C-alpha atoms as a PDB file:
ATOM      1  CA  UNK A   1      91.559 161.605 195.458  1.00  0.00           C
ATOM      2  CA  UNK A   2      88.879 164.086 194.211  1.00  0.00           C
ATOM      3  CA  UNK A   3      91.245 166.695 194.173  1.00  0.00           C
ATOM      4  CA  UNK A   4      93.183 164.526 191.922  1.00  0.00           C
ATOM      5  CA  UNK A   5      90.586 163.845 189.275  1.00  0.00           C
ATOM      6  CA  UNK A   6      89.926 168.008 189.654  1.00  0.00           C
ATOM      7  CA  UNK A   7      93.446 168.099 188.325  1.00  0.00           C
ATOM      8  CA  UNK A   8      93.198 165.573 185.922  1.00  0.00           C
ATOM      9  CA  UNK A   9      90.116 167.158 183.620  1.00  0.00           C
ATOM     10  CA  UNK A  10      91.018 170.844 184.980  1.00  0.00           C
ATOM     11  CA  UNK A  11      92.063 172.214 181.548  1.00  0.00           C
ATOM     12  CA  UNK A  12      93.136 175.826 180.934  1.00  0.00           C
ATOM     13  CA  UNK A  13      91.957 177.838 178.350  1.00  0.00           C
ATOM     14  CA  UNK A  14      94.172 176.270 175.361  1.00  0.00           C
ATOM     15  CA  UNK A  15      93.607 172.828 176.574  1.00  0.00           C
ATOM     16  CA  UNK A  16      89.960 173.390 176.209  1.00  0.00           C
ATOM     17  CA  UNK A  17      89.928 174.622 172.877  1.00  0.00           C
ATOM     18  CA  UNK A  18      92.416 171.885 171.188  1.00  0.00           C
ATOM     19  CA  UNK A  19      89.306 169.552 172.877  1.00  0.00           C
ATOM     20  CA  UNK A  20      87.086 171.633 170.961  1.00  0.00           C
ATOM     21  CA  UNK A  21      88.581 171.077 168.400  1.00  0.00           C
ATOM     22  CA  UNK A  22      89.383 167.689 168.268  1.00  0.00           C
ATOM     23  CA  UNK A  23      86.043 166.989 168.903  1.00  0.00           C
ATOM     24  CA  UNK A  24      83.938 169.144 166.053  1.00  0.00           C
ATOM     25  CA  UNK A  25      86.531 166.810 164.156  1.00  0.00           C
ATOM     26  CA  UNK A  26      85.947 163.301 165.117  1.00  0.00           C
ATOM     27  CA  UNK A  27      81.846 164.955 164.839  1.00  0.00           C
ATOM     28  CA  UNK A  28      82.132 166.183 160.821  1.00  0.00           C
ATOM     29  CA  UNK A  29      84.319 162.401 159.738  1.00  0.00           C
ATOM     30  CA  UNK A  30      81.185 160.741 161.882  1.00  0.00           C
ATOM     31  CA  UNK A  31      78.564 162.645 160.148  1.00  0.00           C
ATOM     32  CA  UNK A  32      80.381 162.366 157.138  1.00  0.00           C
ATOM     33  CA  UNK A  33      81.033 158.399 157.452  1.00  0.00           C
ATOM     34  CA  UNK A  34      77.124 158.347 158.155  1.00  0.00           C
ATOM     35  CA  UNK A  35      75.351 160.973 155.905  1.00  0.00           C
ATOM     36  CA  UNK A  36      78.048 160.184 152.740  1.00  0.00           C
ATOM     37  CA  UNK A  37      76.332 159.580 149.466  1.00  0.00           C
ATOM     38  CA  UNK A  38      76.403 156.065 148.088  1.00  0.00           C
ATOM     39  CA  UNK A  39      78.952 155.320 145.384  1.00  0.00           C
ATOM     40  CA  UNK A  40      77.033 154.369 142.461  1.00  0.00           C
ATOM     41  CA  UNK A  41      79.372 152.732 140.015  1.00  0.00           C
ATOM     42  CA  UNK A  42      81.214 150.857 142.745  1.00  0.00           C
ATOM     43  CA  UNK A  43      77.091 149.435 143.848  1.00  0.00           C
ATOM     44  CA  UNK A  44      77.033 148.858 139.995  1.00  0.00           C
ATOM     45  CA  UNK A  45      80.207 146.775 139.959  1.00  0.00           C
ATOM     46  CA  UNK A  46      79.144 144.534 142.713  1.00  0.00           C
ATOM     47  CA  UNK A  47      75.284 143.893 141.253  1.00  0.00           C
ATOM     48  CA  UNK A  48      77.003 143.165 138.133  1.00  0.00           C
ATOM     49  CA  UNK A  49      79.043 140.976 139.653  1.00  0.00           C
ATOM     50  CA  UNK A  50      76.321 139.245 141.341  1.00  0.00           C
ATOM     51  CA  UNK A  51      74.848 139.224 138.400  1.00  0.00           C
ATOM     52  CA  UNK A  52      78.287 136.986 136.299  1.00  0.00           C
ATOM     53  CA  UNK A  53      77.336 134.702 139.083  1.00  0.00           C
ATOM     54  CA  UNK A  54      74.391 133.264 138.567  1.00  0.00           C
ATOM     55  CA  UNK A  55      75.267 133.598 135.261  1.00  0.00           C
ATOM     56  CA  UNK A  56      78.186 131.089 135.778  1.00  0.00           C
ATOM     57  CA  UNK A  57      75.772 128.972 138.033  1.00  0.00           C
ATOM     58  CA  UNK A  58      73.812 128.537 134.944  1.00  0.00           C
ATOM     59  CA  UNK A  59      75.586 128.436 132.674  1.00  0.00           C
ATOM     60  CA  UNK A  60      77.490 124.854 134.897  1.00  0.00           C
ATOM     61  CA  UNK A  61      73.856 123.655 135.070  1.00  0.00           C
ATOM     62  CA  UNK A  62      73.707 123.567 131.929  1.00  0.00           C
ATOM     63  CA  UNK A  63      76.648 122.078 130.914  1.00  0.00           C
ATOM     64  CA  UNK A  64      75.589 119.623 133.694  1.00  0.00           C
ATOM     65  CA  UNK A  65      72.768 118.161 132.405  1.00  0.00           C
ATOM     66  CA  UNK A  66      74.497 117.792 128.865  1.00  0.00           C
ATOM     67  CA  UNK A  67      77.237 116.180 129.950  1.00  0.00           C
ATOM     68  CA  UNK A  68      74.515 113.353 131.176  1.00  0.00           C
ATOM     69  CA  UNK A  69      71.821 113.523 128.120  1.00  0.00           C
ATOM     70  CA  UNK A  70      75.583 113.560 125.821  1.00  0.00           C
ATOM     71  CA  UNK A  71      76.409 109.922 127.620  1.00  0.00           C
ATOM     72  CA  UNK A  72      72.762 108.717 126.486  1.00  0.00           C
ATOM     73  CA  UNK A  73      73.657 110.894 123.018  1.00  0.00           C
ATOM     74  CA  UNK A  74      77.030 109.154 122.384  1.00  0.00           C
ATOM     75  CA  UNK A  75      75.389 105.406 123.745  1.00  0.00           C
ATOM     76  CA  UNK A  76      73.369 106.014 120.156  1.00  0.00           C
ATOM     77  CA  UNK A  77      75.760 107.037 118.137  1.00  0.00           C
ATOM     78  CA  UNK A  78      77.827 104.432 118.640  1.00  0.00           C
ATOM     79  CA  UNK A  79      75.517 102.173 117.749  1.00  0.00           C
ATOM     80  CA  UNK A  80      73.939 103.797 115.087  1.00  0.00           C
ATOM     81  CA  UNK A  81      77.624 104.154 113.318  1.00  0.00           C
ATOM     82  CA  UNK A  82      78.301  99.953 114.594  1.00  0.00           C
ATOM     83  CA  UNK A  83      78.747  98.007 111.066  1.00  0.00           C
ATOM     84  CA  UNK A  84      76.199  94.617 110.802  1.00  0.00           C
ATOM     85  CA  UNK A  85      76.558  92.003 109.611  1.00  0.00           C
ATOM     86  CA  UNK A  86      73.042  91.064 108.849  1.00  0.00           C
ATOM     87  CA  UNK A  87      71.726  87.628 106.995  1.00  0.00           C
ATOM     88  CA  UNK A  88      68.690  86.450 107.442  1.00  0.00           C
ATOM     89  CA  UNK A  89      66.467  85.948 110.866  1.00  0.00           C
ATOM     90  CA  UNK A  90      64.525  84.892 112.942  1.00  0.00           C
ATOM     91  CA  UNK A  91      64.615  87.435 115.996  1.00  0.00           C
ATOM     92  CA  UNK A  92      62.152  84.713 118.433  1.00  0.00           C
ATOM     93  CA  UNK A  93      65.716  81.907 117.673  1.00  0.00           C
ATOM     94  CA  UNK A  94      68.299  83.540 117.834  1.00  0.00           C
ATOM     95  CA  UNK A  95      70.829  83.487 120.368  1.00  0.00           C
ATOM     96  CA  UNK A  96      72.786  86.304 122.172  1.00  0.00           C
ATOM     97  CA  UNK A  97      75.764  85.489 120.635  1.00  0.00           C
ATOM     98  CA  UNK A  98      74.230  85.148 117.442  1.00  0.00           C
ATOM     99  CA  UNK A  99      72.397  89.267 117.790  1.00  0.00           C
ATOM    100  CA  UNK A 100      75.905  90.167 118.497  1.00  0.00           C
ATOM    101  CA  UNK A 101      77.501  88.131 115.481  1.00  0.00           C
ATOM    102  CA  UNK A 102      75.525  90.570 113.654  1.00  0.00           C
ATOM    103  CA  UNK A 103      76.764  93.818 115.271  1.00  0.00           C
ATOM    104  CA  UNK A 104      74.997  94.260 118.291  1.00  0.00           C
ATOM    105  CA  UNK A 105      76.506  95.076 121.411  1.00  0.00           C
ATOM    106  CA  UNK A 106      76.470  92.529 124.537  1.00  0.00           C
ATOM    107  CA  UNK A 107      74.188  95.036 126.584  1.00  0.00           C
ATOM    108  CA  UNK A 108      71.549  95.004 123.217  1.00  0.00           C
ATOM    109  CA  UNK A 109      71.866  91.073 122.649  1.00  0.00           C
ATOM    110  CA  UNK A 110      70.914  90.541 126.713  1.00  0.00           C
ATOM    111  CA  UNK A 111      68.616  92.448 126.756  1.00  0.00           C
ATOM    112  CA  UNK A 112      65.939  90.605 123.235  1.00  0.00           C
ATOM    113  CA  UNK A 113      67.507  87.901 124.578  1.00  0.00           C
ATOM    114  CA  UNK A 114      65.626  88.431 128.121  1.00  0.00           C
ATOM    115  CA  UNK A 115      62.445  89.307 126.713  1.00  0.00           C
ATOM    116  CA  UNK A 116      62.587  86.028 124.321  1.00  0.00           C
ATOM    117  CA  UNK A 117      62.940  83.507 126.585  1.00  0.00           C
ATOM    118  CA  UNK A 118      60.557  85.090 129.182  1.00  0.00           C
ATOM    119  CA  UNK A 119      57.880  84.350 126.243  1.00  0.00           C
ATOM    120  CA  UNK A 120      57.613  87.739 124.439  1.00  0.00           C
ATOM    121  CA  UNK A 121      57.367  86.999 120.423  1.00  0.00           C
ATOM    122  CA  UNK A 122      57.921  89.006 117.526  1.00  0.00           C
ATOM    123  CA  UNK A 123      54.875  88.423 115.270  1.00  0.00           C
ATOM    124  CA  UNK A 124      56.414  90.427 112.776  1.00  0.00           C
ATOM    125  CA  UNK A 125      59.418  92.058 111.674  1.00  0.00           C
ATOM    126  CA  UNK A 126      58.295  94.969 112.474  1.00  0.00           C
ATOM    127  CA  UNK A 127      57.756  94.328 116.895  1.00  0.00           C
ATOM    128  CA  UNK A 128      61.011  94.812 116.760  1.00  0.00           C
ATOM    129  CA  UNK A 129      60.808  98.404 117.042  1.00  0.00           C
ATOM    130  CA  UNK A 130      59.337  97.612 120.580  1.00  0.00           C
ATOM    131  CA  UNK A 131      62.625  96.813 122.127  1.00  0.00           C
ATOM    132  CA  UNK A 132      63.595 100.423 123.888  1.00  0.00           C
ATOM    133  CA  UNK A 133      67.174  99.332 123.029  1.00  0.00           C
ATOM    134  CA  UNK A 134      67.353  99.593 119.139  1.00  0.00           C
ATOM    135  CA  UNK A 135      67.264 102.936 117.379  1.00  0.00           C
ATOM    136  CA  UNK A 136      65.223 103.489 114.874  1.00  0.00           C
ATOM    137  CA  UNK A 137      68.105 104.023 112.861  1.00  0.00           C
ATOM    138  CA  UNK A 138      69.406 100.393 114.181  1.00  0.00           C
ATOM    139  CA  UNK A 139      65.549  99.191 113.137  1.00  0.00           C
ATOM    140  CA  UNK A 140      65.713 100.006 109.788  1.00  0.00           C
ATOM    141  CA  UNK A 141      69.036  98.214 109.054  1.00  0.00           C
ATOM    142  CA  UNK A 142      67.807  95.096 110.668  1.00  0.00           C
ATOM    143  CA  UNK A 143      64.210  94.772 109.582  1.00  0.00           C
ATOM    144  CA  UNK A 144      64.467  93.748 105.790  1.00  0.00           C
ATOM    145  CA  UNK A 145      66.124  90.803 107.369  1.00  0.00           C
ATOM    146  CA  UNK A 146      64.134  88.990 109.404  1.00  0.00           C
ATOM    147  CA  UNK A 147      62.245  86.424 109.107  1.00  0.00           C
ATOM    148  CA  UNK A 148      59.735  85.574 111.443  1.00  0.00           C
ATOM    149  CA  UNK A 149      59.653  81.167 111.298  1.00  0.00           C
ATOM    150  CA  UNK A 150      55.994  79.470 111.095  1.00  0.00           C
ATOM    151  CA  UNK A 151      54.300  77.867 114.061  1.00  0.00           C
ATOM    152  CA  UNK A 152      54.805  74.866 112.644  1.00  0.00           C
ATOM    153  CA  UNK A 153      57.911  71.681 113.050  1.00  0.00           C
ATOM    154  CA  UNK A 154      59.916  71.045 109.917  1.00  0.00           C
ATOM    155  CA  UNK A 155      60.711  67.566 111.120  1.00  0.00           C
ATOM    156  CA  UNK A 156      56.384  66.782 111.545  1.00  0.00           C
ATOM    157  CA  UNK A 157      56.026  68.907 108.653  1.00  0.00           C
ATOM    158  CA  UNK A 158      54.974  66.454 105.353  1.00  0.00           C
ATOM    159  CA  UNK A 159      56.817  67.299 102.453  1.00  0.00           C
ATOM    160  CA  UNK A 160      55.194  66.969  99.157  1.00  0.00           C
ATOM    161  CA  UNK A 161      54.939  63.132  97.651  1.00  0.00           C
ATOM    162  CA  UNK A 162      57.306  64.004  94.540  1.00  0.00           C
ATOM    163  CA  UNK A 163      58.654  61.328  93.103  1.00  0.00           C
ATOM    164  CA  UNK A 164      62.223  63.320  92.424  1.00  0.00           C
ATOM    165  CA  UNK A 165      63.067  62.911  96.241  1.00  0.00           C
ATOM    166  CA  UNK A 166      64.549  60.148  95.927  1.00  0.00           C
ATOM    167  CA  UNK A 167      66.858  61.121  93.722  1.00  0.00           C
ATOM    168  CA  UNK A 168      70.217  61.565  95.901  1.00  0.00           C
ATOM    169  CA  UNK A 169      71.219  65.291  93.624  1.00  0.00           C
ATOM    170  CA  UNK A 170      68.381  67.316  92.347  1.00  0.00           C
ATOM    171  CA  UNK A 171      69.267  70.202  90.067  1.00  0.00           C
ATOM    172  CA  UNK A 172      67.340  73.296  91.175  1.00  0.00           C
ATOM    173  CA  UNK A 173      67.566  76.671  89.372  1.00  0.00           C
ATOM    174  CA  UNK A 174      68.281  78.477  93.212  1.00  0.00           C
ATOM    175  CA  UNK A 175      67.218  81.878  91.281  1.00  0.00           C
ATOM    176  CA  UNK A 176      63.994  80.211  90.119  1.00  0.00           C
ATOM    177  CA  UNK A 177      62.925  77.608  92.409  1.00  0.00           C
ATOM    178  CA  UNK A 178      59.730  77.590  94.701  1.00  0.00           C
ATOM    179  CA  UNK A 179      59.018  76.812  98.563  1.00  0.00           C
ATOM    180  CA  UNK A 180      57.842  73.626  97.553  1.00  0.00           C
ATOM    181  CA  UNK A 181      60.782  72.505  95.033  1.00  0.00           C
ATOM    182  CA  UNK A 182      64.040  73.726  98.135  1.00  0.00           C
ATOM    183  CA  UNK A 183      61.792  71.603 100.567  1.00  0.00           C
ATOM    184  CA  UNK A 184      62.075  68.445  98.262  1.00  0.00           C
ATOM    185  CA  UNK A 185      66.141  69.036  99.246  1.00  0.00           C
ATOM    186  CA  UNK A 186      66.905  66.939 102.296  1.00  0.00           C
ATOM    187  CA  UNK A 187      67.772  69.269 104.903  1.00  0.00           C
ATOM    188  CA  UNK A 188      65.951  71.221 103.874  1.00  0.00           C
ATOM    189  CA  UNK A 189      62.512  72.383 105.682  1.00  0.00           C
ATOM    190  CA  UNK A 190      59.668  75.136 105.505  1.00  0.00           C
ATOM    191  CA  UNK A 191      61.335  78.122 107.401  1.00  0.00           C
ATOM    192  CA  UNK A 192      65.140  77.376 105.716  1.00  0.00           C
ATOM    193  CA  UNK A 193      63.156  78.017 102.497  1.00  0.00           C
ATOM    194  CA  UNK A 194      61.289  80.992 102.798  1.00  0.00           C
ATOM    195  CA  UNK A 195      64.854  82.062 104.538  1.00  0.00           C
ATOM    196  CA  UNK A 196      66.489  81.321 100.865  1.00  0.00           C
ATOM    197  CA  UNK A 197      63.444  82.930  99.014  1.00  0.00           C
ATOM    198  CA  UNK A 198      63.222  86.177 101.010  1.00  0.00           C
ATOM    199  CA  UNK A 199      67.122  87.049 100.887  1.00  0.00           C
ATOM    200  CA  UNK A 200      67.336  86.047  97.016  1.00  0.00           C
ATOM    201  CA  UNK A 201      64.963  88.976  96.854  1.00  0.00           C
ATOM    202  CA  UNK A 202      67.011  91.676  98.423  1.00  0.00           C
ATOM    203  CA  UNK A 203      70.316  90.468  97.077  1.00  0.00           C
ATOM    204  CA  UNK A 204      68.087  90.147  93.233  1.00  0.00           C
ATOM    205  CA  UNK A 205      68.659  86.912  92.735  1.00  0.00           C
ATOM    206  CA  UNK A 206      72.208  83.650  93.514  1.00  0.00           C
ATOM    207  CA  UNK A 207      75.691  84.931  91.054  1.00  0.00           C
ATOM    208  CA  UNK A 208      77.080  82.017  93.648  1.00  0.00           C
ATOM    209  CA  UNK A 209      75.562  79.004  95.616  1.00  0.00           C
ATOM    210  CA  UNK A 210      78.384  79.950  98.360  1.00  0.00           C
ATOM    211  CA  UNK A 211      75.616  82.753  99.080  1.00  0.00           C
ATOM    212  CA  UNK A 212      73.372  80.240 100.614  1.00  0.00           C
ATOM    213  CA  UNK A 213      75.741  80.192 103.824  1.00  0.00           C
ATOM    214  CA  UNK A 214      74.476  84.234 104.072  1.00  0.00           C
ATOM    215  CA  UNK A 215      71.047  82.424 104.710  1.00  0.00           C
ATOM    216  CA  UNK A 216      70.331  82.096 108.429  1.00  0.00           C
ATOM    217  CA  UNK A 217      70.420  78.946 109.765  1.00  0.00           C
ATOM    218  CA  UNK A 218      72.596  77.658 106.646  1.00  0.00           C
ATOM    219  CA  UNK A 219      76.077  76.730 108.107  1.00  0.00           C
ATOM    220  CA  UNK A 220      79.198  75.762 106.389  1.00  0.00           C
ATOM    221  CA  UNK A 221      78.037  72.054 107.123  1.00  0.00           C
ATOM    222  CA  UNK A 222      74.071  72.237 105.689  1.00  0.00           C
ATOM    223  CA  UNK A 223      75.405  73.994 103.111  1.00  0.00           C
ATOM    224  CA  UNK A 224      78.014  71.340 102.464  1.00  0.00           C
ATOM    225  CA  UNK A 225      74.337  68.824 102.769  1.00  0.00           C
ATOM    226  CA  UNK A 226      72.484  70.575 100.588  1.00  0.00           C
ATOM    227  CA  UNK A 227      75.166  72.213  97.397  1.00  0.00           C
ATOM    228  CA  UNK A 228      74.649  69.506  94.880  1.00  0.00           C
ATOM    229  CA  UNK A 229      71.431  70.329  94.389  1.00  0.00           C
ATOM    230  CA  UNK A 230      71.673  73.223  92.934  1.00  0.00           C
ATOM    231  CA  UNK A 231      72.207  75.058  89.965  1.00  0.00           C
ATOM    232  CA  UNK A 232      72.671  78.849  89.427  1.00  0.00           C
ATOM    233  CA  UNK A 233      71.847  80.795  85.925  1.00  0.00           C
ATOM    234  CA  UNK A 234      72.220  84.705  86.439  1.00  0.00           C
ATOM    235  CA  UNK A 235      69.900  85.112  83.698  1.00  0.00           C
ATOM    236  CA  UNK A 236      66.945  86.383  86.165  1.00  0.00           C
ATOM    237  CA  UNK A 237      69.265  88.469  88.138  1.00  0.00           C
ATOM    238  CA  UNK A 238      66.969  91.921  88.783  1.00  0.00           C
ATOM    239  CA  UNK A 239      70.311  93.806  88.421  1.00  0.00           C
ATOM    240  CA  UNK A 240      70.842  98.156  89.054  1.00  0.00           C
ATOM    241  CA  UNK A 241      71.459 100.544  86.724  1.00  0.00           C
ATOM    242  CA  UNK A 242      74.708 102.676  88.111  1.00  0.00           C
ATOM    243  CA  UNK A 243      73.062 105.917  86.583  1.00  0.00           C
ATOM    244  CA  UNK A 244      69.866 106.099  87.151  1.00  0.00           C
ATOM    245  CA  UNK A 245      69.653 104.514  90.980  1.00  0.00           C
ATOM    246  CA  UNK A 246      69.912 107.226  93.744  1.00  0.00           C
ATOM    247  CA  UNK A 247      71.726 106.315  97.353  1.00  0.00           C
ATOM    248  CA  UNK A 248      68.610 105.168  98.455  1.00  0.00           C
ATOM    249  CA  UNK A 249      68.470 101.900  96.138  1.00  0.00           C
ATOM    250  CA  UNK A 250      71.837 101.321  96.400  1.00  0.00           C
ATOM    251  CA  UNK A 251      72.073 101.093  99.960  1.00  0.00           C
ATOM    252  CA  UNK A 252      68.710  98.563  99.825  1.00  0.00           C
ATOM    253  CA  UNK A 253      71.410  96.107  98.744  1.00  0.00           C
ATOM    254  CA  UNK A 254      73.334  94.150 101.662  1.00  0.00           C
ATOM    255  CA  UNK A 255      76.718  94.584 100.048  1.00  0.00           C
ATOM    256  CA  UNK A 256      76.361  98.073  99.310  1.00  0.00           C
ATOM    257  CA  UNK A 257      77.262 100.312 102.728  1.00  0.00           C
ATOM    258  CA  UNK A 258      75.655 104.180 103.181  1.00  0.00           C
ATOM    259  CA  UNK A 259      78.957 105.275 102.459  1.00  0.00           C
ATOM    260  CA  UNK A 260      79.611 103.086  99.499  1.00  0.00           C
ATOM    261  CA  UNK A 261      75.741 104.129  97.927  1.00  0.00           C
ATOM    262  CA  UNK A 262      77.163 108.031  99.114  1.00  0.00           C
ATOM    263  CA  UNK A 263      80.051 107.455  96.912  1.00  0.00           C
ATOM    264  CA  UNK A 264      78.922 106.204  93.557  1.00  0.00           C
ATOM    265  CA  UNK A 265      75.750 108.642  93.640  1.00  0.00           C
ATOM    266  CA  UNK A 266      78.683 111.315  93.650  1.00  0.00           C
ATOM    267  CA  UNK A 267      81.876 109.997  91.522  1.00  0.00           C
ATOM    268  CA  UNK A 268      79.022 110.045  88.997  1.00  0.00           C
ATOM    269  CA  UNK A 269      77.571 113.912  89.855  1.00  0.00           C
ATOM    270  CA  UNK A 270      81.399 114.899  89.360  1.00  0.00           C
ATOM    271  CA  UNK A 271      82.392 112.623  86.293  1.00  0.00           C
ATOM    272  CA  UNK A 272      79.558 111.753  84.400  1.00  0.00           C
ATOM    273  CA  UNK A 273      78.060 108.690  83.760  1.00  0.00           C
ATOM    274  CA  UNK A 274      79.656 105.450  84.192  1.00  0.00           C
ATOM    275  CA  UNK A 275      80.602 103.998  80.832  1.00  0.00           C
ATOM    276  CA  UNK A 276      81.463 100.438  82.213  1.00  0.00           C
ATOM    277  CA  UNK A 277      80.977  98.642  85.278  1.00  0.00           C
ATOM    278  CA  UNK A 278      84.466  98.556  85.820  1.00  0.00           C
ATOM    279  CA  UNK A 279      84.774 102.181  86.298  1.00  0.00           C
ATOM    280  CA  UNK A 280      82.977 100.895  90.246  1.00  0.00           C
ATOM    281  CA  UNK A 281      86.972 100.394  90.891  1.00  0.00           C
ATOM    282  CA  UNK A 282      87.844 104.138  90.179  1.00  0.00           C
ATOM    283  CA  UNK A 283      85.241 105.081  93.397  1.00  0.00           C
ATOM    284  CA  UNK A 284      85.805 105.876  96.651  1.00  0.00           C
ATOM    285  CA  UNK A 285      85.887 102.727  99.098  1.00  0.00           C
ATOM    286  CA  UNK A 286      85.164 100.565  96.889  1.00  0.00           C
ATOM    287  CA  UNK A 287      87.927  97.245  97.006  1.00  0.00           C
ATOM    288  CA  UNK A 288      88.403  94.545  94.698  1.00  0.00           C
ATOM    289  CA  UNK A 289      86.846  92.383  97.199  1.00  0.00           C
ATOM    290  CA  UNK A 290      83.876  94.428  96.887  1.00  0.00           C
ATOM    291  CA  UNK A 291      83.756  94.583  93.642  1.00  0.00           C
ATOM    292  CA  UNK A 292      83.815  90.950  93.564  1.00  0.00           C
ATOM    293  CA  UNK A 293      80.986  90.466  95.464  1.00  0.00           C
ATOM    294  CA  UNK A 294      78.537  93.830  93.674  1.00  0.00           C
ATOM    295  CA  UNK A 295      79.870  93.896  89.965  1.00  0.00           C
ATOM    296  CA  UNK A 296      77.282  91.130  88.360  1.00  0.00           C
ATOM    297  CA  UNK A 297      74.419  93.235  90.701  1.00  0.00           C
ATOM    298  CA  UNK A 298      75.197  96.463  87.909  1.00  0.00           C
ATOM    299  CA  UNK A 299      74.216  96.813  84.669  1.00  0.00           C
ATOM    300  CA  UNK A 300      74.003  99.940  82.348  1.00  0.00           C
ATOM    301  CA  UNK A 301      72.003 100.808  79.083  1.00  0.00           C
ATOM    302  CA  UNK A 302      73.079 100.774  75.510  1.00  0.00           C
ATOM    303  CA  UNK A 303      72.936 104.558  74.921  1.00  0.00           C
ATOM    304  CA  UNK A 304      75.164 104.774  78.245  1.00  0.00           C
ATOM    305  CA  UNK A 305      78.381 102.545  76.766  1.00  0.00           C
ATOM    306  CA  UNK A 306      77.813 105.032  73.409  1.00  0.00           C
END
């Protein structure tokens, strides 16, 4: 056995040279791989790759954050852009259905009604701004129509002793009536009378009796019961000069939307002063039905028609 091993490792001169040369080559390769210079460009590329990965993570986190908050922003924008059908009302006595009919979402209406049903109360129109579910833009639209009822029961309200009350139908000029005059009408108490007066101020005056149905708490049945007590004179209408009124004056009128106000001013800026009220029909977005509602609230100065 020992002789066999000796024969296995017994090399001649040429074989020893081959082994030595092969060993030298292996050592050189080992030394080169151990101490070879670092490839800076490859290292740089890898470092840049890691940086790009980090940037991507940051961008992804930012996008996720924006998406999360954009849901809130989108919801708010939809509320702001919602079309409202507003009339005078008391938020302390407004039902969920009534809030929704005016243009609020189901969630907004439920939140406000929950507040009032638990004893919460609005003492002034500005108190609506405390409701987290309403944006400031929505409050700006709604507040002008808020009418806080007086803390009295209409059924127990003692009306003045006027002889006129025994007449079946009165003849009251709706644009000149005072609160005391309005409550002479059967079916009209202090809060409704106050609502009629406030809406008259918002409109600039009534131009037809049917506008009473736009007053809070006056439905079709009540309107039919009270309408014969009123007359209308349009001499006292507070009119808007269409050639001098700016965007903010126009949009305050309940029949004129912000878009309508913008288009009316733009038409005037591009075409010059309105020569007659009928020119409003040329304004983008002003339909025949809208024109019939608003034309009596506009006026021109004498110099405008010359």
